[in-house]
Amino acid sequence: MDTCARYRLGEINANEAIEKLKLKNSSISQPKDLVKKYCSVFTPNEKIQF
């Protein structure tokens, strides 16, 4: 969750977030989409844009 917050604040980019979250960029072509999809799980009731 710390990584998602840092990504949202612009402290790290999408590729760094993927590396820190240990995600595999296989089915989604854009790194931003992968991070957005992963981080949205932590804030399902919030309207936070990643």
Protein backbone atom coordinates (compact mmCIF):
# COMPACT_ATOMS: atom_id res chain seq x y z
CA MET A 1 0.00 0.00 0.00
CA ASP A 2 2.96 2.29 0.65
CA THR A 3 4.06 1.78 -2.94
CA CYS A 4 0.61 2.72 -4.24
CA ALA A 5 0.69 5.91 -2.17
CA ARG A 6 4.15 6.81 -3.43
CA TYR A 7 3.03 6.17 -7.01
CA ARG A 8 -0.07 8.32 -6.56
CA LEU A 9 2.04 11.16 -5.12
CA GLY A 10 4.40 10.93 -8.08
CA GLU A 11 7.42 9.89 -6.05
CA ILE A 12 7.90 6.79 -8.20
CA ASN A 13 6.84 5.97 -11.75
CA ALA A 14 4.73 3.03 -12.93
CA ASN A 15 7.72 0.85 -13.80
CA GLU A 16 9.26 1.35 -10.35
CA ALA A 17 5.90 0.56 -8.73
CA ILE A 18 5.61 -2.68 -10.74
CA GLU A 19 9.11 -3.68 -9.63
CA LYS A 20 8.45 -2.89 -5.95
CA LEU A 21 5.06 -4.63 -5.98
CA LYS A 22 6.66 -7.63 -7.73
CA LEU A 23 3.95 -7.63 -10.39
CA LYS A 24 4.32 -9.33 -13.74
CA ASN A 25 3.46 -7.16 -16.70
CA SER A 26 1.99 -9.87 -18.90
CA SER A 27 -1.58 -9.23 -20.00
CA ILE A 28 -1.75 -5.45 -19.69
CA SER A 29 0.32 -3.50 -22.18
CA GLN A 30 0.53 -0.22 -20.25
CA PRO A 31 2.40 -0.17 -16.92
CA LYS A 32 0.11 2.58 -15.62
CA ASP A 33 -2.96 0.40 -16.20
CA LEU A 34 -1.43 -2.49 -14.29
CA VAL A 35 -0.56 -0.33 -11.27
CA LYS A 36 -3.96 1.37 -11.38
CA LYS A 37 -5.76 -1.97 -11.40
CA TYR A 38 -3.64 -3.36 -8.55
CA CYS A 39 -3.85 -0.26 -6.33
CA SER A 40 -7.59 0.23 -6.82
CA VAL A 41 -8.16 -2.97 -4.79
CA PHE A 42 -7.03 -1.13 -1.64
CA THR A 43 -9.51 1.73 -2.08
CA PRO A 44 -12.73 0.15 -3.41
CA ASN A 45 -15.06 2.70 -1.79
CA GLU A 46 -12.92 5.72 -2.55
CA LYS A 47 -12.87 7.64 -5.79
CA ILE A 48 -9.10 7.90 -5.88
CA GLN A 49 -7.48 8.03 -9.29
CA PHE A 50 -4.08 6.38 -9.56
